[in-house]
Amino acid sequence: MTRYEAAIDVEALTAIDVHVHIEVDGHGHASLPGDLAEAAAKYFSADSPRPDLDSIADHYRERRMAAVVFTVDATTQLGHPAISSAEIAEGAARNNDVLIPFGSVDPRQGAAAVDGARRLIAESGVRGFKFHPTVQGFDPSDEAHYPLYAALEEAGVVALFHTGQTGIGAGMRGGRGFRLALSNPMLLDGVAADFPDLQIIMAHPSVPWQDEAISVATHKHNTWIDLSGWSPKYFPPQLVRNANSLLKRRVLFGSDFPLLTPDRWLRDAELTDLKPEVMPGILKDNAVRLLGLR
């Protein structure tokens, strides 16, 4: 297996999208079981075929953008095998001019998750890990997961957590048992305090906990906010205000592709009060600094 090494011409990029999902692998295996995928397609009005990794690379290459790609390993919660993060990293290595791989492990697997994370870092070269507390069914503040965070901190890789509401499970009976409260960004405050060298991204406008996310990010300077999953024209005003000021060096462009495209995000961002002078940082420079690309 080819280990990922970045070969990105940072100066030639227009943007770095830090939030791109791989939803189907090269064998046709989907990241979600059928019932969840069907409900999600209905919720997001997105029933078109999901692009594979190489097609995603082409999409971003055409736009002179780089993209952070990942899946979510929720094997325990979903009873559904995850897409291989090692295979995602190998695909990113084929496209290392535009793709940056993050891994995913199932935190509920305890020591096996720690071993899996270390292996993905050492053997596959992943640059971070994606967590979705609601879909994976775990409380990120539970100290049972501290050995996993310690391994990520020691390796110097990024931890990206879904925060806020999710459309996954929406409309299903009991939301398919998923608990939204597990994605309250305040649950990450203690993690950021106890692992001060672990860089933590709080993904998405954290509706309905936007003020909590801003509070954590303002207090803990090892935390970041990505702007994925929502059209910018729907951003809460306090998020825009802080992106323009206190948090301008720790806010990141993300789309949530394929559910939201980078083209739409950029088009709708022009309708917001995001200041032109902060956009270079949001679109590229902050991610370059976070990911060590320069």
C-alpha atoms as a PDB file:
ATOM      1  CA  MET A   1       0.000   0.000   0.000  1.00  0.00           C
ATOM      2  CA  THR A   2       1.268   3.466  -0.914  1.00  0.00           C
ATOM      3  CA  ARG A   3       1.703   5.768   2.081  1.00  0.00           C
ATOM      4  CA  TYR A   4       0.286   9.251   1.577  1.00  0.00           C
ATOM      5  CA  GLU A   5       2.726  12.132   1.152  1.00  0.00           C
ATOM      6  CA  ALA A   6       1.352  15.502   0.090  1.00  0.00           C
ATOM      7  CA  ALA A   7       2.537  17.041  -3.174  1.00  0.00           C
ATOM      8  CA  ILE A   8       0.310  20.109  -3.131  1.00  0.00           C
ATOM      9  CA  ASP A   9       1.324  23.364  -4.799  1.00  0.00           C
ATOM     10  CA  VAL A  10      -0.149  25.625  -2.146  1.00  0.00           C
ATOM     11  CA  GLU A  11       0.544  28.829  -4.055  1.00  0.00           C
ATOM     12  CA  ALA A  12      -1.494  27.584  -7.038  1.00  0.00           C
ATOM     13  CA  LEU A  13      -4.569  26.783  -4.943  1.00  0.00           C
ATOM     14  CA  THR A  14      -7.635  28.975  -4.737  1.00  0.00           C
ATOM     15  CA  ALA A  15      -8.994  27.187  -1.640  1.00  0.00           C
ATOM     16  CA  ILE A  16      -8.755  24.164   0.655  1.00  0.00           C
ATOM     17  CA  ASP A  17     -12.038  22.425   1.454  1.00  0.00           C
ATOM     18  CA  VAL A  18     -11.565  20.758   4.842  1.00  0.00           C
ATOM     19  CA  HIS A  19     -14.821  18.775   4.831  1.00  0.00           C
ATOM     20  CA  VAL A  20     -15.420  16.295   1.993  1.00  0.00           C
ATOM     21  CA  HIS A  21     -17.120  12.927   2.463  1.00  0.00           C
ATOM     22  CA  ILE A  22     -16.245   9.716   0.662  1.00  0.00           C
ATOM     23  CA  GLU A  23     -19.632   7.969   0.583  1.00  0.00           C
ATOM     24  CA  VAL A  24     -18.862   5.018  -1.676  1.00  0.00           C
ATOM     25  CA  ASP A  25     -15.646   3.037  -2.110  1.00  0.00           C
ATOM     26  CA  GLY A  26     -14.084   1.444  -5.162  1.00  0.00           C
ATOM     27  CA  HIS A  27     -16.016  -1.767  -4.512  1.00  0.00           C
ATOM     28  CA  GLY A  28     -19.404  -0.027  -4.446  1.00  0.00           C
ATOM     29  CA  HIS A  29     -19.728  -0.283  -0.656  1.00  0.00           C
ATOM     30  CA  ALA A  30     -21.627   2.685   0.827  1.00  0.00           C
ATOM     31  CA  SER A  31     -20.720   4.492   4.023  1.00  0.00           C
ATOM     32  CA  LEU A  32     -24.292   4.230   5.369  1.00  0.00           C
ATOM     33  CA  PRO A  33     -26.683   1.269   5.524  1.00  0.00           C
ATOM     34  CA  GLY A  34     -29.548   1.365   3.060  1.00  0.00           C
ATOM     35  CA  ASP A  35     -32.267   2.710   5.361  1.00  0.00           C
ATOM     36  CA  LEU A  36     -30.132   5.620   6.550  1.00  0.00           C
ATOM     37  CA  ALA A  37     -28.879   6.405   3.054  1.00  0.00           C
ATOM     38  CA  GLU A  38     -32.449   6.493   1.737  1.00  0.00           C
ATOM     39  CA  ALA A  39     -33.641   8.764   4.553  1.00  0.00           C
ATOM     40  CA  ALA A  40     -30.628  11.041   4.156  1.00  0.00           C
ATOM     41  CA  ALA A  41     -31.187  11.340   0.409  1.00  0.00           C
ATOM     42  CA  LYS A  42     -34.784  12.377   1.071  1.00  0.00           C
ATOM     43  CA  TYR A  43     -33.797  14.864   3.789  1.00  0.00           C
ATOM     44  CA  PHE A  44     -31.053  16.470   1.702  1.00  0.00           C
ATOM     45  CA  SER A  45     -32.942  16.163  -1.623  1.00  0.00           C
ATOM     46  CA  ALA A  46     -29.836  14.440  -2.962  1.00  0.00           C
ATOM     47  CA  ASP A  47     -30.641  11.195  -4.726  1.00  0.00           C
ATOM     48  CA  SER A  48     -27.984  11.346  -7.450  1.00  0.00           C
ATOM     49  CA  PRO A  49     -25.172   8.755  -7.496  1.00  0.00           C
ATOM     50  CA  ARG A  50     -22.310   9.510  -5.113  1.00  0.00           C
ATOM     51  CA  PRO A  51     -18.969  10.231  -6.813  1.00  0.00           C
ATOM     52  CA  ASP A  52     -16.002   7.979  -6.134  1.00  0.00           C
ATOM     53  CA  LEU A  53     -12.703   9.255  -4.776  1.00  0.00           C
ATOM     54  CA  ASP A  54     -10.971   9.757  -8.115  1.00  0.00           C
ATOM     55  CA  SER A  55     -13.964  11.683  -9.461  1.00  0.00           C
ATOM     56  CA  ILE A  56     -13.863  13.897  -6.374  1.00  0.00           C
ATOM     57  CA  ALA A  57     -10.165  14.540  -7.011  1.00  0.00           C
ATOM     58  CA  ASP A  58     -10.975  15.585 -10.572  1.00  0.00           C
ATOM     59  CA  HIS A  59     -13.741  17.873  -9.316  1.00  0.00           C
ATOM     60  CA  TYR A  60     -11.357  19.734  -7.036  1.00  0.00           C
ATOM     61  CA  ARG A  61      -8.450  19.699  -9.480  1.00  0.00           C
ATOM     62  CA  GLU A  62     -10.618  21.481 -12.055  1.00  0.00           C
ATOM     63  CA  ARG A  63     -11.267  24.213  -9.482  1.00  0.00           C
ATOM     64  CA  ARG A  64      -7.634  24.492  -8.360  1.00  0.00           C
ATOM     65  CA  MET A  65      -8.713  23.459  -4.874  1.00  0.00           C
ATOM     66  CA  ALA A  66      -7.462  20.862  -2.419  1.00  0.00           C
ATOM     67  CA  ALA A  67      -9.815  18.775  -0.298  1.00  0.00           C
ATOM     68  CA  VAL A  68      -9.647  16.902   3.002  1.00  0.00           C
ATOM     69  CA  VAL A  69     -11.409  13.556   2.444  1.00  0.00           C
ATOM     70  CA  PHE A  70     -12.729  11.042   4.958  1.00  0.00           C
ATOM     71  CA  THR A  71     -15.447   8.636   5.990  1.00  0.00           C
ATOM     72  CA  VAL A  72     -17.031   7.935   9.399  1.00  0.00           C
ATOM     73  CA  ASP A  73     -16.478   4.574  11.108  1.00  0.00           C
ATOM     74  CA  ALA A  74     -19.676   3.934  13.067  1.00  0.00           C
ATOM     75  CA  THR A  75     -19.507   0.154  12.930  1.00  0.00           C
ATOM     76  CA  THR A  76     -20.765  -0.411  16.493  1.00  0.00           C
ATOM     77  CA  GLN A  77     -23.666   2.029  16.297  1.00  0.00           C
ATOM     78  CA  LEU A  78     -24.811   1.157  12.781  1.00  0.00           C
ATOM     79  CA  GLY A  79     -23.938  -2.528  12.545  1.00  0.00           C
ATOM     80  CA  HIS A  80     -22.558  -1.668   9.118  1.00  0.00           C
ATOM     81  CA  PRO A  81     -18.927  -2.041   8.009  1.00  0.00           C
ATOM     82  CA  ALA A  82     -17.136   1.249   7.431  1.00  0.00           C
ATOM     83  CA  ILE A  83     -15.420   2.273   4.241  1.00  0.00           C
ATOM     84  CA  SER A  84     -11.711   1.608   4.648  1.00  0.00           C
ATOM     85  CA  SER A  85      -9.766   4.699   5.745  1.00  0.00           C
ATOM     86  CA  ALA A  86      -6.597   2.971   4.540  1.00  0.00           C
ATOM     87  CA  GLU A  87      -8.093   2.721   1.051  1.00  0.00           C
ATOM     88  CA  ILE A  88      -9.120   6.386   1.191  1.00  0.00           C
ATOM     89  CA  ALA A  89      -5.528   7.271   2.079  1.00  0.00           C
ATOM     90  CA  GLU A  90      -4.233   5.155  -0.787  1.00  0.00           C
ATOM     91  CA  GLY A  91      -6.627   6.924  -3.152  1.00  0.00           C
ATOM     92  CA  ALA A  92      -5.465  10.263  -1.800  1.00  0.00           C
ATOM     93  CA  ALA A  93      -1.876   9.170  -2.466  1.00  0.00           C
ATOM     94  CA  ARG A  94      -2.860   8.648  -6.124  1.00  0.00           C
ATOM     95  CA  ASN A  95      -4.200  12.190  -6.115  1.00  0.00           C
ATOM     96  CA  ASN A  96      -1.785  13.806  -3.690  1.00  0.00           C
ATOM     97  CA  ASP A  97      -1.755  17.060  -5.646  1.00  0.00           C
ATOM     98  CA  VAL A  98      -5.311  17.814  -4.454  1.00  0.00           C
ATOM     99  CA  LEU A  99      -6.428  15.358  -1.751  1.00  0.00           C
ATOM    100  CA  ILE A 100      -5.515  15.179   1.947  1.00  0.00           C
ATOM    101  CA  PRO A 101      -6.690  12.040   3.799  1.00  0.00           C
ATOM    102  CA  PHE A 102      -8.200  11.953   7.274  1.00  0.00           C
ATOM    103  CA  GLY A 103      -8.906   8.616   8.909  1.00  0.00           C
ATOM    104  CA  SER A 104     -11.796   7.450  11.042  1.00  0.00           C
ATOM    105  CA  VAL A 105     -11.961   4.887  13.829  1.00  0.00           C
ATOM    106  CA  ASP A 106     -14.872   3.754  15.973  1.00  0.00           C
ATOM    107  CA  PRO A 107     -14.272   5.211  19.470  1.00  0.00           C
ATOM    108  CA  ARG A 108     -16.533   2.590  21.010  1.00  0.00           C
ATOM    109  CA  GLN A 109     -13.979  -0.085  20.115  1.00  0.00           C
ATOM    110  CA  GLY A 110     -11.632   1.154  22.838  1.00  0.00           C
ATOM    111  CA  ALA A 111      -8.053  -0.093  22.573  1.00  0.00           C
ATOM    112  CA  ALA A 112      -8.709  -1.385  19.052  1.00  0.00           C
ATOM    113  CA  ALA A 113      -9.594   2.173  17.985  1.00  0.00           C
ATOM    114  CA  VAL A 114      -6.330   3.465  19.443  1.00  0.00           C
ATOM    115  CA  ASP A 115      -4.337   0.765  17.650  1.00  0.00           C
ATOM    116  CA  GLY A 116      -6.234   1.453  14.430  1.00  0.00           C
ATOM    117  CA  ALA A 117      -5.529   5.168  14.640  1.00  0.00           C
ATOM    118  CA  ARG A 118      -1.827   4.599  15.226  1.00  0.00           C
ATOM    119  CA  ARG A 119      -1.709   2.225  12.272  1.00  0.00           C
ATOM    120  CA  LEU A 120      -3.474   4.676   9.951  1.00  0.00           C
ATOM    121  CA  ILE A 121      -1.013   7.392  10.949  1.00  0.00           C
ATOM    122  CA  ALA A 122       2.125   5.263  10.638  1.00  0.00           C
ATOM    123  CA  GLU A 123       1.244   3.120   7.626  1.00  0.00           C
ATOM    124  CA  SER A 124      -1.196   5.264   5.635  1.00  0.00           C
ATOM    125  CA  GLY A 125      -0.022   8.780   6.467  1.00  0.00           C
ATOM    126  CA  VAL A 126      -3.422  10.224   7.409  1.00  0.00           C
ATOM    127  CA  ARG A 127      -3.289  13.846   8.602  1.00  0.00           C
ATOM    128  CA  GLY A 128      -6.279  13.794  10.945  1.00  0.00           C
ATOM    129  CA  PHE A 129      -9.383  11.934  12.092  1.00  0.00           C
ATOM    130  CA  LYS A 130     -13.094  12.533  11.605  1.00  0.00           C
ATOM    131  CA  PHE A 131     -15.559  11.872  14.448  1.00  0.00           C
ATOM    132  CA  HIS A 132     -19.356  12.110  14.421  1.00  0.00           C
ATOM    133  CA  PRO A 133     -20.502  11.680  18.041  1.00  0.00           C
ATOM    134  CA  THR A 134     -24.202  11.452  17.155  1.00  0.00           C
ATOM    135  CA  VAL A 135     -23.823   8.863  14.399  1.00  0.00           C
ATOM    136  CA  GLN A 136     -21.055   6.960  16.214  1.00  0.00           C
ATOM    137  CA  GLY A 137     -23.046   7.062  19.449  1.00  0.00           C
ATOM    138  CA  PHE A 138     -20.359   8.253  21.851  1.00  0.00           C
ATOM    139  CA  ASP A 139     -19.883  11.094  24.307  1.00  0.00           C
ATOM    140  CA  PRO A 140     -16.665  12.857  23.253  1.00  0.00           C
ATOM    141  CA  SER A 141     -16.157  14.195  26.782  1.00  0.00           C
ATOM    142  CA  ASP A 142     -16.026  10.691  28.297  1.00  0.00           C
ATOM    143  CA  GLU A 143     -12.515  10.054  29.605  1.00  0.00           C
ATOM    144  CA  ALA A 144     -12.756   6.510  28.271  1.00  0.00           C
ATOM    145  CA  HIS A 145     -11.751   8.049  24.950  1.00  0.00           C
ATOM    146  CA  TYR A 146      -8.741   9.911  26.329  1.00  0.00           C
ATOM    147  CA  PRO A 147      -6.206   7.261  25.210  1.00  0.00           C
ATOM    148  CA  LEU A 148      -7.401   7.848  21.653  1.00  0.00           C
ATOM    149  CA  TYR A 149      -7.032  11.612  21.941  1.00  0.00           C
ATOM    150  CA  ALA A 150      -3.602  11.151  23.517  1.00  0.00           C
ATOM    151  CA  ALA A 151      -2.478   9.096  20.518  1.00  0.00           C
ATOM    152  CA  LEU A 152      -3.675  11.776  18.111  1.00  0.00           C
ATOM    153  CA  GLU A 153      -2.039  14.552  20.124  1.00  0.00           C
ATOM    154  CA  GLU A 154       1.259  12.650  20.295  1.00  0.00           C
ATOM    155  CA  ALA A 155       1.219  12.132  16.518  1.00  0.00           C
ATOM    156  CA  GLY A 156       0.391  15.791  15.828  1.00  0.00           C
ATOM    157  CA  VAL A 157      -2.697  15.048  13.738  1.00  0.00           C
ATOM    158  CA  VAL A 158      -6.018  16.900  13.716  1.00  0.00           C
ATOM    159  CA  ALA A 159      -9.303  15.787  15.328  1.00  0.00           C
ATOM    160  CA  LEU A 160     -12.394  16.932  13.407  1.00  0.00           C
ATOM    161  CA  PHE A 161     -15.713  16.545  15.247  1.00  0.00           C
ATOM    162  CA  HIS A 162     -19.178  16.945  13.814  1.00  0.00           C
ATOM    163  CA  THR A 163     -21.075  19.482  15.942  1.00  0.00           C
ATOM    164  CA  GLY A 164     -24.680  20.639  15.942  1.00  0.00           C
ATOM    165  CA  GLN A 165     -27.734  19.169  14.320  1.00  0.00           C
ATOM    166  CA  THR A 166     -27.451  16.390  11.766  1.00  0.00           C
ATOM    167  CA  GLY A 167     -29.674  15.338   8.909  1.00  0.00           C
ATOM    168  CA  ILE A 168     -28.524  11.721   9.295  1.00  0.00           C
ATOM    169  CA  GLY A 169     -31.447   9.842  10.830  1.00  0.00           C
ATOM    170  CA  ALA A 170     -33.821  12.800  10.444  1.00  0.00           C
ATOM    171  CA  GLY A 171     -37.402  11.723   9.728  1.00  0.00           C
ATOM    172  CA  MET A 172     -36.786   8.142  10.797  1.00  0.00           C
ATOM    173  CA  ARG A 173     -38.552   6.524  13.731  1.00  0.00           C
ATOM    174  CA  GLY A 174     -36.994   8.080  16.834  1.00  0.00           C
ATOM    175  CA  GLY A 175     -34.303   9.567  14.633  1.00  0.00           C
ATOM    176  CA  ARG A 176     -33.023   5.970  14.416  1.00  0.00           C
ATOM    177  CA  GLY A 177     -32.014   6.309  18.034  1.00  0.00           C
ATOM    178  CA  PHE A 178     -29.381   8.990  17.379  1.00  0.00           C
ATOM    179  CA  ARG A 179     -28.859  11.575  20.104  1.00  0.00           C
ATOM    180  CA  LEU A 180     -28.226  15.139  18.989  1.00  0.00           C
ATOM    181  CA  ALA A 181     -26.894  16.219  22.399  1.00  0.00           C
ATOM    182  CA  LEU A 182     -23.724  14.179  21.827  1.00  0.00           C
ATOM    183  CA  SER A 183     -22.752  16.778  19.214  1.00  0.00           C
ATOM    184  CA  ASN A 184     -22.953  19.786  21.517  1.00  0.00           C
ATOM    185  CA  PRO A 185     -19.582  21.547  21.058  1.00  0.00           C
ATOM    186  CA  MET A 186     -19.389  22.253  24.795  1.00  0.00           C
ATOM    187  CA  LEU A 187     -18.564  18.551  25.220  1.00  0.00           C
ATOM    188  CA  LEU A 188     -15.261  19.323  23.472  1.00  0.00           C
ATOM    189  CA  ASP A 189     -14.253  22.046  25.912  1.00  0.00           C
ATOM    190  CA  GLY A 190     -12.779  19.594  28.403  1.00  0.00           C
ATOM    191  CA  VAL A 191     -11.039  17.678  25.629  1.00  0.00           C
ATOM    192  CA  ALA A 192      -9.392  20.896  24.424  1.00  0.00           C
ATOM    193  CA  ALA A 193      -8.393  21.714  28.012  1.00  0.00           C
ATOM    194  CA  ASP A 194      -6.904  18.302  28.763  1.00  0.00           C
ATOM    195  CA  PHE A 195      -5.173  17.940  25.378  1.00  0.00           C
ATOM    196  CA  PRO A 196      -3.882  21.470  24.726  1.00  0.00           C
ATOM    197  CA  ASP A 197      -1.664  20.409  21.824  1.00  0.00           C
ATOM    198  CA  LEU A 198      -4.449  18.533  20.014  1.00  0.00           C
ATOM    199  CA  GLN A 199      -5.869  20.686  17.245  1.00  0.00           C
ATOM    200  CA  ILE A 200      -9.659  20.259  17.238  1.00  0.00           C
ATOM    201  CA  ILE A 201     -12.007  21.324  14.442  1.00  0.00           C
ATOM    202  CA  MET A 202     -15.648  21.854  15.378  1.00  0.00           C
ATOM    203  CA  ALA A 203     -17.383  21.133  12.109  1.00  0.00           C
ATOM    204  CA  HIS A 204     -20.345  23.111  10.796  1.00  0.00           C
ATOM    205  CA  PRO A 205     -22.305  26.040  12.128  1.00  0.00           C
ATOM    206  CA  SER A 206     -23.194  24.353  15.439  1.00  0.00           C
ATOM    207  CA  VAL A 207     -26.945  24.966  15.341  1.00  0.00           C
ATOM    208  CA  PRO A 208     -28.541  25.174  17.909  1.00  0.00           C
ATOM    209  CA  TRP A 209     -25.307  25.626  19.915  1.00  0.00           C
ATOM    210  CA  GLN A 210     -23.520  28.302  17.919  1.00  0.00           C
ATOM    211  CA  ASP A 211     -22.789  30.428  20.968  1.00  0.00           C
ATOM    212  CA  GLU A 212     -21.270  27.423  22.734  1.00  0.00           C
ATOM    213  CA  ALA A 213     -18.940  26.756  19.799  1.00  0.00           C
ATOM    214  CA  ILE A 214     -17.849  30.389  19.681  1.00  0.00           C
ATOM    215  CA  SER A 215     -17.270  30.347  23.426  1.00  0.00           C
ATOM    216  CA  VAL A 216     -15.072  27.246  23.218  1.00  0.00           C
ATOM    217  CA  ALA A 217     -13.128  28.585  20.234  1.00  0.00           C
ATOM    218  CA  THR A 218     -12.602  31.965  21.882  1.00  0.00           C
ATOM    219  CA  HIS A 219     -11.287  30.368  25.085  1.00  0.00           C
ATOM    220  CA  LYS A 220      -9.357  27.378  23.703  1.00  0.00           C
ATOM    221  CA  HIS A 221      -6.955  28.403  20.969  1.00  0.00           C
ATOM    222  CA  ASN A 222      -6.390  24.808  19.894  1.00  0.00           C
ATOM    223  CA  THR A 223      -9.939  24.743  18.519  1.00  0.00           C
ATOM    224  CA  TRP A 224     -11.145  25.749  15.059  1.00  0.00           C
ATOM    225  CA  ILE A 225     -14.537  26.085  13.341  1.00  0.00           C
ATOM    226  CA  ASP A 226     -15.238  24.849   9.834  1.00  0.00           C
ATOM    227  CA  LEU A 227     -18.065  26.410   7.851  1.00  0.00           C
ATOM    228  CA  SER A 228     -19.348  23.281   6.117  1.00  0.00           C
ATOM    229  CA  GLY A 229     -22.805  21.824   5.793  1.00  0.00           C
ATOM    230  CA  TRP A 230     -24.813  25.027   5.500  1.00  0.00           C
ATOM    231  CA  SER A 231     -25.118  27.547   2.713  1.00  0.00           C
ATOM    232  CA  PRO A 232     -23.305  30.668   3.957  1.00  0.00           C
ATOM    233  CA  LYS A 233     -26.461  32.722   3.489  1.00  0.00           C
ATOM    234  CA  TYR A 234     -27.932  30.807   6.452  1.00  0.00           C
ATOM    235  CA  PHE A 235     -24.966  31.336   8.794  1.00  0.00           C
ATOM    236  CA  PRO A 236     -25.956  32.656  12.231  1.00  0.00           C
ATOM    237  CA  PRO A 237     -24.995  36.350  12.483  1.00  0.00           C
ATOM    238  CA  GLN A 238     -22.768  35.799  15.516  1.00  0.00           C
ATOM    239  CA  LEU A 239     -20.742  33.253  13.528  1.00  0.00           C
ATOM    240  CA  VAL A 240     -20.153  35.765  10.728  1.00  0.00           C
ATOM    241  CA  ARG A 241     -19.279  38.478  13.242  1.00  0.00           C
ATOM    242  CA  ASN A 242     -16.651  36.320  14.938  1.00  0.00           C
ATOM    243  CA  ALA A 243     -15.292  34.987  11.639  1.00  0.00           C
ATOM    244  CA  ASN A 244     -14.669  38.620  10.713  1.00  0.00           C
ATOM    245  CA  SER A 245     -12.899  39.420  13.980  1.00  0.00           C
ATOM    246  CA  LEU A 246     -11.844  37.318  16.980  1.00  0.00           C
ATOM    247  CA  LEU A 247     -11.775  33.972  15.167  1.00  0.00           C
ATOM    248  CA  LYS A 248     -10.648  35.053  11.704  1.00  0.00           C
ATOM    249  CA  ARG A 249      -7.426  32.992  11.954  1.00  0.00           C
ATOM    250  CA  ARG A 250      -9.226  29.821  13.117  1.00  0.00           C
ATOM    251  CA  VAL A 251     -12.205  29.616  10.777  1.00  0.00           C
ATOM    252  CA  LEU A 252     -11.991  27.212   7.844  1.00  0.00           C
ATOM    253  CA  PHE A 253     -13.742  26.764   4.514  1.00  0.00           C
ATOM    254  CA  GLY A 254     -15.580  23.469   4.219  1.00  0.00           C
ATOM    255  CA  SER A 255     -18.401  22.440   1.926  1.00  0.00           C
ATOM    256  CA  ASP A 256     -19.742  19.019   3.057  1.00  0.00           C
ATOM    257  CA  PHE A 257     -19.383  17.774  -0.523  1.00  0.00           C
ATOM    258  CA  PRO A 258     -21.184  16.026  -2.135  1.00  0.00           C
ATOM    259  CA  LEU A 259     -24.234  17.315  -0.208  1.00  0.00           C
ATOM    260  CA  LEU A 260     -23.120  20.925  -0.637  1.00  0.00           C
ATOM    261  CA  THR A 261     -20.754  21.827  -3.452  1.00  0.00           C
ATOM    262  CA  PRO A 262     -17.851  24.240  -3.173  1.00  0.00           C
ATOM    263  CA  ASP A 263     -19.318  26.186  -6.116  1.00  0.00           C
ATOM    264  CA  ARG A 264     -22.551  26.866  -4.254  1.00  0.00           C
ATOM    265  CA  TRP A 265     -20.701  27.691  -1.033  1.00  0.00           C
ATOM    266  CA  LEU A 266     -18.554  30.298  -2.773  1.00  0.00           C
ATOM    267  CA  ARG A 267     -21.507  31.762  -4.650  1.00  0.00           C
ATOM    268  CA  ASP A 268     -23.614  32.075  -1.512  1.00  0.00           C
ATOM    269  CA  ALA A 269     -20.704  33.457   0.539  1.00  0.00           C
ATOM    270  CA  GLU A 270     -20.872  36.550  -1.664  1.00  0.00           C
ATOM    271  CA  LEU A 271     -24.343  37.203  -0.189  1.00  0.00           C
ATOM    272  CA  THR A 272     -23.010  37.386   3.372  1.00  0.00           C
ATOM    273  CA  ASP A 273     -21.239  40.020   5.449  1.00  0.00           C
ATOM    274  CA  LEU A 274     -17.991  38.042   5.501  1.00  0.00           C
ATOM    275  CA  LYS A 275     -15.313  40.670   4.872  1.00  0.00           C
ATOM    276  CA  PRO A 276     -13.216  40.385   1.704  1.00  0.00           C
ATOM    277  CA  GLU A 277     -10.037  40.809   3.737  1.00  0.00           C
ATOM    278  CA  VAL A 278     -10.761  37.720   5.888  1.00  0.00           C
ATOM    279  CA  MET A 279     -11.688  35.445   2.985  1.00  0.00           C
ATOM    280  CA  PRO A 280      -8.126  34.460   1.979  1.00  0.00           C
ATOM    281  CA  GLY A 281      -7.575  33.148   5.490  1.00  0.00           C
ATOM    282  CA  ILE A 282     -10.891  31.310   5.588  1.00  0.00           C
ATOM    283  CA  LEU A 283     -10.550  29.832   2.114  1.00  0.00           C
ATOM    284  CA  LYS A 284      -6.926  28.712   2.293  1.00  0.00           C
ATOM    285  CA  ASP A 285      -4.360  30.273   4.594  1.00  0.00           C
ATOM    286  CA  ASN A 286      -5.796  29.058   7.916  1.00  0.00           C
ATOM    287  CA  ALA A 287      -5.976  25.478   6.637  1.00  0.00           C
ATOM    288  CA  VAL A 288      -2.436  25.697   5.273  1.00  0.00           C
ATOM    289  CA  ARG A 289      -1.234  26.668   8.743  1.00  0.00           C
ATOM    290  CA  LEU A 290      -3.322  24.027  10.530  1.00  0.00           C
ATOM    291  CA  LEU A 291      -2.313  21.185   8.197  1.00  0.00           C
ATOM    292  CA  GLY A 292       1.330  22.199   7.929  1.00  0.00           C
ATOM    293  CA  LEU A 293       1.237  22.455   4.142  1.00  0.00           C
ATOM    294  CA  ARG A 294       3.813  25.235   3.899  1.00  0.00           C
END
